[in-house]
Amino acid sequence: MTDSDKTADNAGTSAQDDALEKVTQQQLDVLLAKHKKYLNGVTGGLRITLKFKDLSNLDFRKMDLSQADFTGSILKDAKLNNCNFTTVSFFACDMRNADLSNSNFSRADFRGAYVAGANLSGADLASADLRQGKVLKKNDAGILDDIKSGKSDKRDNQKTIFSGARMDKTNLSGVQAGGADFSDADLSGVNIQEANMKDVNLEGANLAKADMTGTDLSGANLQSSIMTGTKLARVETRGANIEAAIMMEAPAKTLQDMDQSVMDVLKDHMDWVTTAGKKGKQLDLSNFDLRNVNKLNQYPLTAIRAIKTNFMNQNLEKGSMQSAVLDQSDFRSSNMKEIDLRGASLKEAILTRADLTGANLSALVFKNADGSKRLKPAQLSGAKMRYVVFQDANLAYANLKGADLSFAVFINCNLKNADLTDAKLDNADFRDAILDNTKIDPQYREQTKS
């Protein structure tokens, strides 16, 4: 039995039902300094061992934490980017929404870790262990101790969860990830060669242009995953529902297919906007593929029509799309920070993993002839917005009926008079959100108070 397995089977009393001990940034900085001395062989050094601690929101950036042990700790929203975590144990850690980008996690132990919604863009997880984990109480009763909720049940294994994680350009070559959950994760362009991905959940994941050469995908769930341009040489797919993946996309129009030049079309559109439709022509980009359009956020897109349009992975930061009709369009993993979407319609649109930090989706205000005011709220009913970030955004009066907002981040978001009736809000984060007159189903009311 390895030392890691001994740790797993003898989790100790720290993982009992009591809340984990909170570590402050000041305390952490002292430990980081000692760990640096330890790695350099300097007197007074000490290897960091922070098992079963609350390390949420702490800053580890640019540190060498190789050989550290974080078994069973909470690292929610922690800044772990640009670090060296070679051979580190994150066994059964809660790392939801943490920033792990551009860090080295080669040969790290992620068994049983909860990494939903985290950012692992550019990270190196070569030969990391992402399999199921097992944590038992010290009394060897054979009961799993759930360190995240303090509750015990009779399950034998705890899945490693990377659901909704941003993992583009990540190195996953040789990983041991059997049974892990990558649903809705962005794995576009990722190196997953010679890996064990047996029985993994990849439902809704973006695997476009990923290299999965020699990987074992037997028994994997690939429902609605995007596998356009994915390299599948020598891949074992026995028992996998690979036919349910999106292997090829239907031909879509590009800007080069238009009869007029882009500038002429935009001029006609702006004439149409400024004259309230009396001159010019509304820009209609419905069914277009706009993924590879450079500087799209600099185009005047106010009141455009773009139904079933592909904006996936686009940079739309600070773009102007107020009053646009964008129903059923695909904005997965797009940068939409501070975008202006006042009064826009995004009914049944897909915004999984999109970043709308500081975005404006409030209602447009129109003045009637009699001096009264009329509101035109943003329409997002039925939209798929799992893991979307609405931090500091304005969603006042927005219609979010029936939307899937599981794991959405609403920190400091204005939801005044918004309608979330029948919306799915599992694990959504409402810290410091404005919820005056907001319509939320009773089963989620308690969640908004945390």
Protein backbone atom coordinates (compact mmCIF):
# COMPACT_ATOMS: atom_id res chain seq x y z
CA MET A 1 0.00 0.00 0.00
CA THR A 2 1.37 3.45 -0.97
CA ASP A 3 1.62 6.41 1.39
CA SER A 4 -1.20 8.06 -0.58
CA ASP A 5 -3.41 5.02 -0.13
CA LYS A 6 -2.68 4.97 3.60
CA THR A 7 -3.73 8.61 3.76
CA ALA A 8 -6.91 7.72 1.89
CA ASP A 9 -7.83 4.89 4.23
CA ASN A 10 -6.91 6.74 7.42
CA ALA A 11 -8.30 10.18 6.84
CA GLY A 12 -8.21 11.03 10.55
CA THR A 13 -10.44 13.03 12.80
CA SER A 14 -9.81 16.26 10.89
CA ALA A 15 -12.32 15.07 8.31
CA GLN A 16 -15.11 14.67 10.82
CA ASP A 17 -18.33 16.60 10.80
CA ASP A 18 -16.87 19.79 12.29
CA ALA A 19 -16.02 22.70 9.99
CA LEU A 20 -12.47 22.72 8.69
CA GLU A 21 -9.96 25.09 10.30
CA LYS A 22 -9.66 28.34 8.32
CA VAL A 23 -6.14 29.42 7.31
CA THR A 24 -5.53 33.15 6.79
CA GLN A 25 -3.40 34.64 4.01
CA GLN A 26 -0.89 35.81 6.61
CA GLN A 27 -0.54 32.30 8.04
CA LEU A 28 -0.21 30.86 4.55
CA ASP A 29 2.53 33.32 3.58
CA VAL A 30 4.62 32.16 6.57
CA LEU A 31 4.20 28.53 5.51
CA LEU A 32 5.03 29.35 1.89
CA ALA A 33 8.29 30.98 2.97
CA LYS A 34 9.22 27.89 5.02
CA HIS A 35 8.36 25.59 2.12
CA LYS A 36 10.62 27.61 -0.18
CA LYS A 37 13.49 27.09 2.28
CA TYR A 38 12.65 23.38 2.43
CA LEU A 39 12.89 23.03 -1.36
CA ASN A 40 16.19 24.96 -1.40
CA GLY A 41 17.66 22.92 1.45
CA VAL A 42 17.96 25.96 3.72
CA THR A 43 17.92 25.63 7.52
CA GLY A 44 14.49 26.33 9.00
CA GLY A 45 12.63 24.97 6.01
CA LEU A 46 9.45 22.91 6.37
CA ARG A 47 7.40 21.05 3.77
CA ILE A 48 3.84 22.38 3.52
CA THR A 49 1.27 19.90 4.81
CA LEU A 50 -2.20 21.46 4.91
CA LYS A 51 -4.55 18.50 5.24
CA PHE A 52 -8.25 19.13 5.91
CA LYS A 53 -7.95 22.94 6.10
CA ASP A 54 -10.13 25.72 4.70
CA LEU A 55 -7.88 27.48 2.17
CA SER A 56 -10.65 29.06 0.12
CA ASN A 57 -9.93 32.39 -1.62
CA LEU A 58 -6.21 32.30 -0.70
CA ASP A 59 -3.42 33.44 -3.04
CA PHE A 60 -0.73 30.88 -4.01
CA ARG A 61 0.26 32.49 -7.32
CA LYS A 62 3.70 31.89 -8.86
CA MET A 63 4.86 29.66 -6.00
CA ASP A 64 6.74 26.37 -6.15
CA LEU A 65 4.54 24.01 -4.11
CA SER A 66 6.03 20.75 -5.38
CA GLN A 67 5.80 17.90 -2.85
CA ALA A 68 3.10 19.70 -0.81
CA ASP A 69 0.10 17.87 0.63
CA PHE A 70 -3.41 19.43 0.56
CA THR A 71 -5.38 16.22 1.16
CA GLY A 72 -9.04 16.89 1.99
CA SER A 73 -8.76 20.68 2.02
CA ILE A 74 -11.12 23.33 0.64
CA LEU A 75 -9.50 25.46 -2.08
CA LYS A 76 -12.66 27.06 -3.51
CA ASP A 77 -11.97 30.27 -5.49
CA ALA A 78 -8.26 30.04 -4.60
CA LYS A 79 -5.62 31.59 -6.87
CA LEU A 80 -3.41 28.64 -7.83
CA ASN A 81 -2.29 29.84 -11.23
CA ASN A 82 1.30 29.88 -12.59
CA CYS A 83 2.48 27.52 -9.83
CA ASN A 84 4.52 24.34 -9.70
CA PHE A 85 2.42 21.56 -8.14
CA THR A 86 4.48 18.59 -9.33
CA THR A 87 3.58 15.40 -7.37
CA VAL A 88 1.28 17.38 -5.02
CA SER A 89 -1.67 15.64 -3.35
CA PHE A 90 -5.07 17.25 -3.93
CA PHE A 91 -6.77 14.03 -2.85
CA ALA A 92 -10.49 14.67 -2.16
CA CYS A 93 -10.02 18.47 -2.25
CA ASP A 94 -12.82 20.93 -3.03
CA MET A 95 -11.34 23.19 -5.76
CA ARG A 96 -14.52 24.58 -7.26
CA ASN A 97 -14.06 27.77 -9.32
CA ALA A 98 -10.34 27.95 -8.45
CA ASP A 99 -7.88 29.48 -10.92
CA LEU A 100 -5.42 26.69 -11.82
CA SER A 101 -4.36 28.14 -15.17
CA ASN A 102 -0.81 27.72 -16.48
CA SER A 103 0.28 25.63 -13.49
CA ASN A 104 2.28 22.39 -13.56
CA PHE A 105 0.29 19.50 -12.05
CA SER A 106 2.34 16.67 -13.55
CA ARG A 107 2.01 13.44 -11.53
CA ALA A 108 -0.31 15.23 -9.06
CA ASP A 109 -2.96 13.25 -7.18
CA PHE A 110 -6.48 14.52 -7.92
CA ARG A 111 -8.34 11.36 -6.91
CA GLY A 112 -11.78 12.25 -5.59
CA ALA A 113 -11.18 15.99 -6.10
CA TYR A 114 -14.07 18.37 -6.86
CA VAL A 115 -12.80 20.77 -9.54
CA ALA A 116 -16.11 21.89 -11.06
CA GLY A 117 -16.01 25.27 -12.78
CA ALA A 118 -12.27 25.74 -12.28
CA ASN A 119 -9.98 27.37 -14.84
CA LEU A 120 -7.22 24.98 -15.95
CA SER A 121 -6.43 26.72 -19.23
CA GLY A 122 -2.82 26.05 -20.19
CA ALA A 123 -2.20 23.76 -17.20
CA ASP A 124 0.00 20.66 -17.39
CA LEU A 125 -1.63 17.52 -15.94
CA ALA A 126 0.67 15.01 -17.60
CA SER A 127 0.48 11.64 -15.83
CA ALA A 128 -1.78 13.08 -13.09
CA ASP A 129 -4.12 10.70 -11.26
CA LEU A 130 -7.76 11.71 -11.76
CA ARG A 131 -9.43 8.46 -10.81
CA GLN A 132 -12.03 7.86 -8.14
CA GLY A 133 -10.95 8.34 -4.54
CA LYS A 134 -11.85 6.62 -1.31
CA VAL A 135 -11.90 8.30 2.10
CA LEU A 136 -12.76 6.27 5.19
CA LYS A 137 -13.14 7.30 8.80
CA LYS A 138 -10.29 6.39 11.11
CA ASN A 139 -12.42 3.78 12.85
CA ASP A 140 -12.26 1.66 9.66
CA ALA A 141 -16.04 1.30 9.71
CA GLY A 142 -16.09 1.16 5.93
CA ILE A 143 -18.22 4.31 5.70
CA LEU A 144 -17.21 7.05 3.30
CA ASP A 145 -16.65 10.36 5.05
CA ASP A 146 -17.78 13.17 2.78
CA ILE A 147 -15.34 15.94 3.70
CA LYS A 148 -17.21 18.56 1.69
CA SER A 149 -20.56 18.36 3.40
CA GLY A 150 -19.63 16.65 6.66
CA LYS A 151 -22.10 13.87 5.89
CA SER A 152 -21.39 10.16 5.55
CA ASP A 153 -22.92 7.66 3.20
CA LYS A 154 -22.27 4.11 2.04
CA ARG A 155 -20.72 4.86 -1.34
CA ASP A 156 -17.34 3.25 -1.92
CA ASN A 157 -15.94 5.80 -4.34
CA GLN A 158 -15.92 9.54 -4.80
CA LYS A 159 -15.63 10.69 -8.42
CA THR A 160 -13.14 13.29 -9.54
CA ILE A 161 -15.22 16.12 -11.00
CA PHE A 162 -13.90 18.52 -13.66
CA SER A 163 -17.41 19.40 -14.87
CA GLY A 164 -17.51 22.81 -16.56
CA ALA A 165 -13.76 23.35 -16.16
CA ARG A 166 -11.85 25.43 -18.70
CA MET A 167 -9.07 23.14 -19.84
CA ASP A 168 -8.19 24.39 -23.31
CA LYS A 169 -4.50 23.86 -24.21
CA THR A 170 -4.08 21.64 -21.15
CA ASN A 171 -1.70 18.68 -21.26
CA LEU A 172 -3.54 15.54 -20.13
CA SER A 173 -1.24 13.01 -21.77
CA GLY A 174 -1.04 9.76 -19.87
CA VAL A 175 -3.56 10.76 -17.19
CA GLN A 176 -5.36 8.12 -15.18
CA ALA A 177 -8.91 9.48 -15.25
CA GLY A 178 -11.13 6.40 -15.21
CA GLY A 179 -14.67 7.31 -14.14
CA ALA A 180 -13.96 11.07 -13.88
CA ASP A 181 -16.63 13.66 -14.77
CA PHE A 182 -15.67 16.14 -17.55
CA SER A 183 -19.25 17.07 -18.53
CA ASP A 184 -19.50 20.55 -20.09
CA ALA A 185 -15.70 21.00 -19.80
CA ASP A 186 -13.75 22.88 -22.47
CA LEU A 187 -11.08 20.44 -23.68
CA SER A 188 -10.58 22.00 -27.10
CA GLY A 189 -7.12 21.45 -28.54
CA VAL A 190 -6.06 19.38 -25.50
CA ASN A 191 -3.38 16.68 -25.61
CA ILE A 192 -4.99 13.52 -24.16
CA GLN A 193 -2.69 10.93 -25.75
CA GLU A 194 -2.23 7.45 -24.26
CA ALA A 195 -4.61 8.28 -21.37
CA ASN A 196 -7.00 6.15 -19.35
CA MET A 197 -10.41 7.76 -19.91
CA LYS A 198 -12.42 4.60 -19.34
CA ASP A 199 -16.01 5.20 -18.22
CA VAL A 200 -15.53 9.00 -18.10
CA ASN A 201 -18.46 11.39 -18.48
CA LEU A 202 -17.78 13.78 -21.38
CA GLU A 203 -21.40 14.80 -22.00
CA GLY A 204 -21.48 18.27 -23.57
CA ALA A 205 -17.69 18.62 -23.44
CA ASN A 206 -15.82 20.49 -26.16
CA LEU A 207 -13.18 18.12 -27.59
CA ALA A 208 -12.71 19.95 -30.88
CA LYS A 209 -9.19 19.42 -32.29
CA ALA A 210 -8.14 17.46 -29.19
CA ASP A 211 -5.51 14.76 -29.72
CA MET A 212 -6.77 11.53 -28.15
CA THR A 213 -4.37 9.20 -29.94
CA GLY A 214 -4.03 5.86 -28.14
CA THR A 215 -6.51 6.78 -25.38
CA ASP A 216 -8.92 4.31 -23.79
CA LEU A 217 -12.46 5.72 -24.10
CA SER A 218 -14.25 2.44 -23.51
CA GLY A 219 -17.57 2.95 -21.75
CA ALA A 220 -17.31 6.75 -22.00
CA ASN A 221 -20.41 8.95 -22.22
CA LEU A 222 -19.91 11.24 -25.24
CA GLN A 223 -23.50 12.48 -25.54
CA SER A 224 -23.56 15.90 -27.30
CA SER A 225 -19.78 16.29 -26.98
CA ILE A 226 -18.09 18.27 -29.74
CA MET A 227 -15.51 16.11 -31.54
CA THR A 228 -14.98 18.13 -34.70
CA GLY A 229 -11.39 17.61 -35.85
CA THR A 230 -10.60 15.36 -32.87
CA LYS A 231 -7.74 12.90 -33.48
CA LEU A 232 -8.97 9.39 -32.64
CA ALA A 233 -6.20 7.13 -33.95
CA ARG A 234 -5.87 3.87 -31.98
CA VAL A 235 -8.65 4.93 -29.59
CA GLU A 236 -10.56 2.20 -27.77
CA THR A 237 -14.28 3.08 -27.93
CA ARG A 238 -15.89 -0.23 -26.99
CA GLY A 239 -19.07 0.50 -25.04
CA ALA A 240 -18.79 4.26 -25.63
CA ASN A 241 -21.72 6.06 -27.26
CA ILE A 242 -19.45 7.80 -29.74
CA GLU A 243 -22.28 7.96 -32.28
CA ALA A 244 -23.99 10.45 -29.94
CA ALA A 245 -21.08 12.90 -30.26
CA ILE A 246 -21.10 15.80 -32.69
CA MET A 247 -18.45 14.52 -35.10
CA MET A 248 -19.17 16.85 -37.99
CA GLU A 249 -20.93 20.19 -38.07
CA ALA A 250 -23.38 21.21 -40.74
CA PRO A 251 -21.89 23.64 -43.26
CA ALA A 252 -22.36 27.20 -42.04
CA LYS A 253 -22.09 30.53 -43.77
CA THR A 254 -19.09 32.80 -43.19
CA LEU A 255 -18.66 36.52 -43.83
CA GLN A 256 -16.95 35.68 -47.11
CA ASP A 257 -20.23 34.21 -48.38
CA MET A 258 -22.03 37.57 -48.31
CA ASP A 259 -22.86 39.31 -51.59
CA GLN A 260 -21.59 42.67 -50.31
CA SER A 261 -18.38 43.61 -48.52
CA VAL A 262 -18.46 43.57 -44.73
CA MET A 263 -18.13 47.34 -44.54
CA ASP A 264 -21.02 47.89 -46.96
CA VAL A 265 -23.24 45.51 -45.01
CA LEU A 266 -22.36 47.25 -41.73
CA LYS A 267 -23.07 50.69 -43.24
CA ASP A 268 -26.51 49.52 -44.40
CA HIS A 269 -27.16 48.15 -40.93
CA MET A 270 -26.18 51.36 -39.14
CA ASP A 271 -28.42 53.35 -41.52
CA TRP A 272 -31.25 50.97 -40.60
CA VAL A 273 -30.58 51.45 -36.86
CA THR A 274 -30.26 55.25 -36.93
CA THR A 275 -33.36 55.76 -39.10
CA ALA A 276 -35.51 53.24 -37.20
CA GLY A 277 -35.75 51.05 -40.30
CA LYS A 278 -36.60 53.77 -42.83
CA LYS A 279 -33.28 53.40 -44.64
CA GLY A 280 -30.68 50.68 -45.01
CA LYS A 281 -31.13 47.03 -44.09
CA GLN A 282 -30.89 45.06 -40.84
CA LEU A 283 -27.80 42.86 -40.59
CA ASP A 284 -28.87 39.21 -40.53
CA LEU A 285 -26.11 36.76 -39.55
CA SER A 286 -28.41 33.84 -38.76
CA ASN A 287 -26.75 30.44 -39.25
CA PHE A 288 -23.33 32.04 -39.75
CA ASP A 289 -20.11 30.65 -38.27
CA LEU A 290 -18.37 33.62 -36.64
CA ARG A 291 -15.83 31.73 -34.51
CA ASN A 292 -12.82 32.82 -36.53
CA VAL A 293 -13.75 36.45 -37.17
CA ASN A 294 -11.00 38.67 -35.77
CA LYS A 295 -11.96 41.59 -33.53
CA LEU A 296 -15.67 40.80 -33.79
CA ASN A 297 -16.26 42.81 -30.61
CA GLN A 298 -15.25 45.98 -32.48
CA TYR A 299 -18.06 45.66 -35.02
CA PRO A 300 -21.27 47.70 -34.45
CA LEU A 301 -23.68 44.84 -33.73
CA THR A 302 -26.54 46.77 -32.13
CA ALA A 303 -29.92 45.24 -33.06
CA ILE A 304 -28.46 42.58 -35.36
CA ARG A 305 -30.33 39.38 -36.09
CA ALA A 306 -28.23 36.25 -35.48
CA ILE A 307 -30.37 33.17 -34.83
CA LYS A 308 -28.58 29.79 -34.53
CA THR A 309 -25.25 31.53 -35.07
CA ASN A 310 -21.94 30.10 -33.82
CA PHE A 311 -20.00 32.50 -31.56
CA MET A 312 -18.23 29.72 -29.63
CA ASN A 313 -14.91 30.78 -28.00
CA GLN A 314 -15.28 34.30 -29.43
CA ASN A 315 -13.88 37.45 -27.85
CA LEU A 316 -16.90 39.74 -27.44
CA GLU A 317 -15.52 41.74 -24.53
CA LYS A 318 -17.08 45.23 -24.33
CA GLY A 319 -19.05 44.55 -27.50
CA SER A 320 -22.29 46.38 -28.37
CA MET A 321 -25.15 43.95 -29.00
CA GLN A 322 -28.04 45.70 -27.31
CA SER A 323 -31.48 44.80 -28.67
CA ALA A 324 -29.94 42.01 -30.79
CA VAL A 325 -31.91 38.84 -31.58
CA LEU A 326 -29.54 35.97 -30.73
CA ASP A 327 -31.96 33.13 -30.05
CA GLN A 328 -30.53 29.55 -30.10
CA SER A 329 -27.03 30.85 -30.82
CA ASP A 330 -23.91 29.20 -29.38
CA PHE A 331 -21.70 31.32 -27.08
CA ARG A 332 -19.96 28.48 -25.24
CA SER A 333 -16.68 29.52 -23.56
CA SER A 334 -16.89 33.04 -25.02
CA ASN A 335 -15.34 36.11 -23.40
CA MET A 336 -18.32 38.43 -22.94
CA LYS A 337 -16.97 40.63 -20.16
CA GLU A 338 -18.68 44.04 -19.97
CA ILE A 339 -20.70 43.34 -23.12
CA ASP A 340 -23.81 45.47 -23.70
CA LEU A 341 -26.79 43.13 -24.18
CA ARG A 342 -29.53 45.44 -22.90
CA GLY A 343 -32.89 44.34 -24.23
CA ALA A 344 -31.31 41.52 -26.25
CA SER A 345 -33.02 38.19 -26.91
CA LEU A 346 -31.03 35.02 -26.18
CA LYS A 347 -33.89 32.55 -25.88
CA GLU A 348 -32.62 28.95 -25.78
CA ALA A 349 -29.08 30.16 -26.46
CA ILE A 350 -26.09 28.15 -25.22
CA LEU A 351 -23.76 30.12 -22.96
CA THR A 352 -22.11 27.27 -21.03
CA ARG A 353 -18.82 28.46 -19.46
CA ALA A 354 -19.22 31.98 -20.94
CA ASP A 355 -17.70 34.83 -18.93
CA LEU A 356 -20.17 37.73 -18.59
CA THR A 357 -18.39 39.52 -15.76
CA GLY A 358 -19.64 43.10 -15.64
CA ALA A 359 -22.04 42.54 -18.55
CA ASN A 360 -25.15 44.69 -18.95
CA LEU A 361 -28.28 42.62 -19.58
CA SER A 362 -30.72 45.08 -18.03
CA ALA A 363 -33.84 46.39 -19.72
CA LEU A 364 -33.80 49.07 -22.39
CA VAL A 365 -35.99 52.04 -21.49
CA PHE A 366 -38.18 53.68 -24.14
CA LYS A 367 -40.25 56.82 -23.77
CA ASN A 368 -43.79 56.71 -25.10
CA ALA A 369 -45.53 59.63 -26.81
CA ASP A 370 -47.49 60.39 -23.65
CA GLY A 371 -44.26 60.67 -21.62
CA SER A 372 -44.60 57.32 -19.93
CA LYS A 373 -41.79 54.77 -20.04
CA ARG A 374 -41.70 51.28 -21.53
CA LEU A 375 -39.19 48.59 -20.60
CA LYS A 376 -37.72 46.01 -22.97
CA PRO A 377 -36.12 43.33 -20.73
CA ALA A 378 -33.38 40.98 -21.87
CA GLN A 379 -34.85 37.59 -22.81
CA LEU A 380 -32.90 34.49 -21.74
CA SER A 381 -35.72 31.99 -21.20
CA GLY A 382 -34.69 28.38 -21.74
CA ALA A 383 -31.02 29.30 -22.21
CA LYS A 384 -28.31 26.82 -21.21
CA MET A 385 -25.96 28.73 -18.91
CA ARG A 386 -24.20 26.14 -16.78
CA TYR A 387 -21.03 27.52 -15.17
CA VAL A 388 -21.61 30.98 -16.64
CA VAL A 389 -20.04 33.89 -14.74
CA PHE A 390 -22.34 36.86 -14.06
CA GLN A 391 -20.16 38.48 -11.39
CA ASP A 392 -20.83 42.25 -11.16
CA ALA A 393 -23.30 41.96 -14.07
CA ASN A 394 -26.62 43.80 -14.37
CA LEU A 395 -29.59 41.47 -14.98
CA ALA A 396 -32.32 43.76 -13.68
CA TYR A 397 -35.74 42.78 -15.10
CA ALA A 398 -34.18 39.94 -17.16
CA ASN A 399 -36.40 37.02 -18.14
CA LEU A 400 -34.54 33.84 -17.12
CA LYS A 401 -37.55 31.51 -16.96
CA GLY A 402 -36.63 27.85 -17.37
CA ALA A 403 -32.94 28.58 -17.89
CA ASP A 404 -30.28 26.10 -16.73
CA LEU A 405 -28.05 28.16 -14.43
CA SER A 406 -26.45 25.30 -12.52
CA PHE A 407 -23.14 26.41 -10.96
CA ALA A 408 -23.63 29.97 -12.27
CA VAL A 409 -21.74 32.73 -10.45
CA PHE A 410 -23.96 35.69 -9.49
CA ILE A 411 -21.54 37.33 -7.03
CA ASN A 412 -22.43 41.04 -6.63
CA CYS A 413 -24.88 40.71 -9.54
CA ASN A 414 -27.96 42.93 -9.88
CA LEU A 415 -30.99 40.62 -10.25
CA LYS A 416 -33.58 43.16 -9.19
CA ASN A 417 -37.00 42.29 -10.63
CA ALA A 418 -35.49 39.41 -12.64
CA ASP A 419 -37.67 36.35 -13.28
CA LEU A 420 -36.01 32.99 -12.53
CA THR A 421 -39.22 30.98 -12.38
CA ASP A 422 -38.57 27.30 -13.18
CA ALA A 423 -34.86 28.04 -13.64
CA LYS A 424 -32.38 25.37 -12.55
CA LEU A 425 -30.07 26.93 -9.95
CA ASP A 426 -28.26 23.96 -8.43
CA ASN A 427 -25.02 25.14 -6.74
CA ALA A 428 -25.39 28.69 -8.10
CA ASP A 429 -23.46 31.32 -6.11
CA PHE A 430 -25.57 34.33 -5.03
CA ARG A 431 -23.10 36.00 -2.64
CA ASP A 432 -23.83 39.74 -2.31
CA ALA A 433 -26.34 39.62 -5.19
CA ILE A 434 -29.19 42.15 -5.30
CA LEU A 435 -32.42 40.14 -5.21
CA ASP A 436 -35.10 42.78 -4.66
CA ASN A 437 -38.40 41.51 -6.11
CA THR A 438 -36.58 38.67 -7.85
CA LYS A 439 -38.78 35.68 -8.68
CA ILE A 440 -37.05 32.46 -7.55
CA ASP A 441 -38.66 29.08 -6.92
CA PRO A 442 -39.00 28.20 -3.21
CA GLN A 443 -36.50 25.31 -3.31
CA TYR A 444 -33.71 27.76 -4.15
CA ARG A 445 -34.63 30.57 -1.74
CA GLU A 446 -32.44 29.28 1.07
CA GLN A 447 -29.52 28.98 -1.32
CA THR A 448 -29.65 32.70 -2.07
CA LYS A 449 -29.10 33.53 1.60
CA SER A 450 -25.76 31.72 1.90
